[in-house]
Protein backbone atom coordinates (compact mmCIF):
# COMPACT_ATOMS: atom_id res chain seq x y z
CA THR A 1 -15.84 77.19 41.45
CA GLU A 2 -16.64 79.30 38.42
CA ALA A 3 -16.27 76.59 36.07
CA GLU A 4 -18.27 73.98 38.13
CA LYS A 5 -21.07 76.59 38.05
CA ASP A 6 -20.87 76.98 34.34
CA LEU A 7 -20.72 73.49 33.80
CA ASN A 8 -23.57 72.76 36.18
CA ARG A 9 -25.84 75.31 34.24
CA ALA A 10 -24.97 74.01 30.67
CA LEU A 11 -26.05 70.65 32.11
CA GLU A 12 -29.23 72.00 33.27
CA LEU A 13 -30.01 73.36 29.78
CA SER A 14 -28.45 70.61 27.85
CA PRO A 15 -28.23 67.43 30.00
CA ASN A 16 -27.05 65.33 27.10
CA SER A 17 -24.50 67.55 26.05
CA ILE A 18 -21.37 65.83 25.09
CA LEU A 19 -19.11 68.54 25.71
CA ALA A 20 -20.54 69.56 29.03
CA ASN A 21 -20.64 65.94 30.05
CA TYR A 22 -17.14 65.47 29.06
CA PHE A 23 -15.36 68.55 30.86
CA MET A 24 -17.71 67.81 33.94
CA GLY A 25 -15.97 64.28 33.90
CA GLU A 26 -12.56 65.57 33.46
CA MET A 27 -13.03 68.34 36.16
CA LEU A 28 -14.34 65.98 38.73
CA TYR A 29 -11.47 63.69 38.08
CA ASP A 30 -8.95 66.60 38.62
CA TYR A 31 -10.89 67.21 41.93
CA ALA A 32 -10.49 63.51 42.69
CA ASP A 33 -6.95 63.69 42.12
CA SER A 34 -6.42 66.59 44.70
CA GLN A 35 -8.64 64.76 47.18
CA TYR A 36 -6.54 61.88 47.05
CA GLU A 37 -3.20 64.11 47.51
CA LYS A 38 -4.91 65.33 50.80
CA ASN A 39 -5.37 61.79 51.82
CA MET A 40 -9.42 62.05 51.52
CA LEU A 41 -9.65 58.38 50.01
CA LYS A 42 -13.17 57.54 50.41
CA GLN A 43 -14.22 61.23 48.79
CA ALA A 44 -11.83 60.72 46.17
CA PHE A 45 -13.07 57.23 45.05
CA GLU A 46 -16.69 58.75 45.51
CA THR A 47 -15.61 61.82 43.17
CA GLY A 48 -14.14 59.36 40.72
CA ASN A 49 -17.02 57.41 40.44
CA GLU A 50 -18.94 60.38 39.85
CA ALA A 51 -16.41 61.55 36.95
CA LEU A 52 -17.03 58.10 35.39
CA SER A 53 -20.99 58.61 34.97
CA TYR A 54 -20.42 61.73 33.11
CA PHE A 55 -17.65 59.83 30.53
CA GLU A 56 -20.40 57.08 30.45
CA MET A 57 -22.76 59.85 29.32
CA VAL A 58 -20.37 60.67 26.56
CA LEU A 59 -19.92 56.82 25.60
CA SER A 60 -23.85 56.42 25.55
CA ASN A 61 -24.37 58.97 22.82
CA LYS A 62 -23.86 58.10 19.21
CA ASN A 63 -24.80 61.25 17.47
CA PHE A 64 -21.65 63.52 18.41
CA GLU A 65 -19.06 62.86 15.27
CA GLN A 66 -20.69 65.19 13.14
CA ASP A 67 -20.36 68.12 15.48
CA PHE A 68 -17.59 70.45 14.28
CA ILE A 69 -16.53 71.74 17.57
CA ILE A 70 -16.01 68.18 18.96
CA LYS A 71 -14.12 67.55 16.06
CA ARG A 72 -11.74 70.48 16.43
CA ILE A 73 -11.08 69.99 20.23
CA PHE A 74 -10.61 66.16 19.87
CA PRO A 75 -8.99 65.60 16.49
CA PHE A 76 -8.80 62.00 16.95
CA GLY A 77 -12.41 61.63 18.25
CA ILE A 78 -13.80 62.53 21.59
CA ILE A 79 -14.82 58.39 21.84
CA TYR A 80 -10.94 57.53 21.85
CA ASP A 81 -10.20 60.23 24.68
CA THR A 82 -13.04 58.98 26.63
CA TYR A 83 -12.00 55.53 26.70
CA VAL A 84 -8.51 56.53 27.76
CA GLN A 85 -9.91 58.65 30.58
CA VAL A 86 -12.20 55.63 31.57
CA GLY A 87 -9.41 53.36 31.51
CA THR A 88 -7.58 55.68 33.79
CA ILE A 89 -10.12 56.43 36.27
CA ASN A 90 -10.79 52.72 36.73
CA PHE A 91 -6.93 51.82 37.05
CA SER A 92 -6.76 54.84 39.84
CA GLY A 93 -9.78 53.21 41.38
CA TYR A 94 -8.37 50.02 41.50
CA SER A 95 -5.28 51.31 43.32
CA LEU A 96 -7.70 53.60 45.46
CA LEU A 97 -9.65 50.41 46.29
CA LYS A 98 -6.69 48.19 47.40
CA GLU A 99 -5.55 51.18 49.81
CA LEU A 100 -9.06 51.17 51.36
CA ARG A 101 -8.76 47.15 51.61
CA GLU A 102 -11.60 46.67 49.28
CA ARG A 103 -9.68 43.81 47.14
CA LYS A 104 -12.66 42.10 45.49
CA LYS A 105 -14.51 45.33 44.16
CA ALA A 106 -10.78 46.63 43.27
CA LYS A 107 -10.49 43.53 40.74
CA GLU A 108 -13.48 44.69 39.13
CA TYR A 109 -11.97 48.14 38.44
CA LEU A 110 -8.82 46.79 37.19
CA ASP A 111 -10.79 44.38 34.57
CA ASN A 112 -12.60 47.51 33.66
CA SER A 113 -9.44 49.50 32.96
CA ILE A 114 -8.06 46.75 30.91
CA ASP A 115 -11.45 46.72 28.69
CA ASN A 116 -11.24 50.51 28.29
CA PHE A 117 -7.47 50.62 27.34
CA SER A 118 -8.18 48.01 24.78
CA LYS A 119 -11.05 49.87 23.29
CA ALA A 120 -8.60 52.74 23.26
CA ILE A 121 -6.10 51.04 21.26
CA GLU A 122 -8.62 49.42 18.76
CA ILE A 123 -9.11 52.67 17.60
CA ALA A 124 -5.93 54.51 18.28
CA PRO A 125 -4.20 56.77 15.62
CA SER A 126 -0.65 56.04 14.53
CA LYS A 127 2.15 57.18 16.94
CA GLU A 128 3.27 59.43 13.88
CA ASP A 129 -0.10 61.03 13.53
CA VAL A 130 -0.10 61.82 17.38
CA GLU A 131 3.43 63.42 17.14
CA LYS A 132 2.51 65.37 14.16
CA MET A 133 -0.74 66.71 15.77
CA GLU A 134 1.01 67.58 19.20
CA LEU A 135 3.67 69.69 17.12
CA ASP A 136 0.85 71.17 15.29
CA ARG A 137 -1.24 72.20 18.18
CA ASN A 138 1.61 72.60 20.89
CA ASN A 139 -0.65 70.10 22.98
CA ASN A 140 -0.22 66.55 24.33
CA PHE A 141 -2.41 63.62 23.13
CA TRP A 142 -2.44 60.09 24.27
CA ALA A 143 -0.06 57.98 21.65
CA LEU A 144 -0.29 54.38 21.22
CA ASP A 145 2.75 53.38 22.98
CA GLU A 146 1.40 54.99 26.16
CA LEU A 147 -1.79 53.10 26.03
CA TYR A 148 0.23 49.88 25.44
CA LEU A 149 2.18 50.88 28.26
CA GLU A 150 -1.09 51.48 30.83
CA ARG A 151 -2.54 48.35 29.57
CA ALA A 152 0.73 46.30 30.30
CA ASN A 153 0.63 48.02 33.99
CA ALA A 154 -2.60 46.87 34.51
CA TYR A 155 -2.02 43.45 33.22
CA SER A 156 0.97 43.21 35.59
CA TRP A 157 -1.25 43.72 38.69
CA LYS A 158 -3.22 40.90 37.50
CA GLU A 159 -0.28 38.74 37.03
CA LYS A 160 -0.88 38.19 33.55
CA TRP A 161 2.84 38.27 32.91
CA LYS A 162 2.47 36.89 29.30
CA ALA A 163 0.25 39.78 28.12
CA ALA A 164 2.00 42.29 30.13
CA CYS A 165 5.09 41.54 28.54
CA LYS A 166 3.78 41.53 24.96
CA ASP A 167 2.63 45.14 25.63
CA TRP A 168 5.62 46.26 27.25
CA LYS A 169 7.26 44.90 24.15
CA ILE A 170 5.20 46.69 21.59
CA SER A 171 5.33 49.93 23.49
CA LYS A 172 9.37 49.91 23.89
CA ASP A 173 9.43 48.85 20.48
CA MET A 174 7.89 52.33 19.78
CA GLY A 175 10.36 53.72 21.54
CA ASN A 176 8.71 54.05 25.21
CA LYS A 177 11.11 54.62 27.73
CA ASP A 178 9.26 53.27 30.71
CA SER A 179 8.20 50.18 28.80
CA GLN A 180 11.76 49.58 28.09
CA THR A 181 12.44 49.42 31.70
CA SER A 182 9.52 47.32 32.92
CA PHE A 183 10.09 44.85 30.01
CA ARG A 184 13.89 44.75 31.13
CA GLU A 185 12.85 44.01 34.83
CA ASN A 186 10.12 41.78 34.09
CA CYS A 187 10.40 39.70 31.23
CA LYS A 188 12.59 37.20 29.65
CA PRO A 189 14.33 38.00 26.28
CA ASP A 190 11.85 36.35 24.53
CA GLY A 191 9.13 38.60 25.47
CA TYR A 192 7.45 36.40 28.28
CA TYR A 193 6.99 36.11 31.95
CA ARG A 194 9.33 36.98 35.09
């Protein structure tokens, strides 16, 4: 509650603040998760959409990479991290809309998820750079193998098996255990189709 008050105040003072918008989006997404766990599906969906609007504000601002504080908090760039957040929220929104039986709208969220994971993959640091930063900072960051796994999972829900298998293979070749399992269960040895 106190964090929300501070973020609201920060946004009153500086509505275009990249950090305030990012952190508000992150806080709302966490809140949507807790609503989902309490089976408050419609509220969780609305809160998730509100989180998306704050992340979209971050993506629409082009004058942030010179900000030293942002560089310190987001060593691989705030845009990279924001694309991952938006991809994840859209994928969650897809699942939630399926539960709410809004399949047509769900497909739009799934497509947006794939699009944002693809944008994150384009600018992602190497897995080695992420592992080094995790050791240096004792913190977790999104690695390339995880992004390929997430995009593959999204492709599989669209039944685009060729694309899913290709991504699972890339991810498993980077050592991702979840991708190894998904590839083994869904793909032929040459890497394609069920």
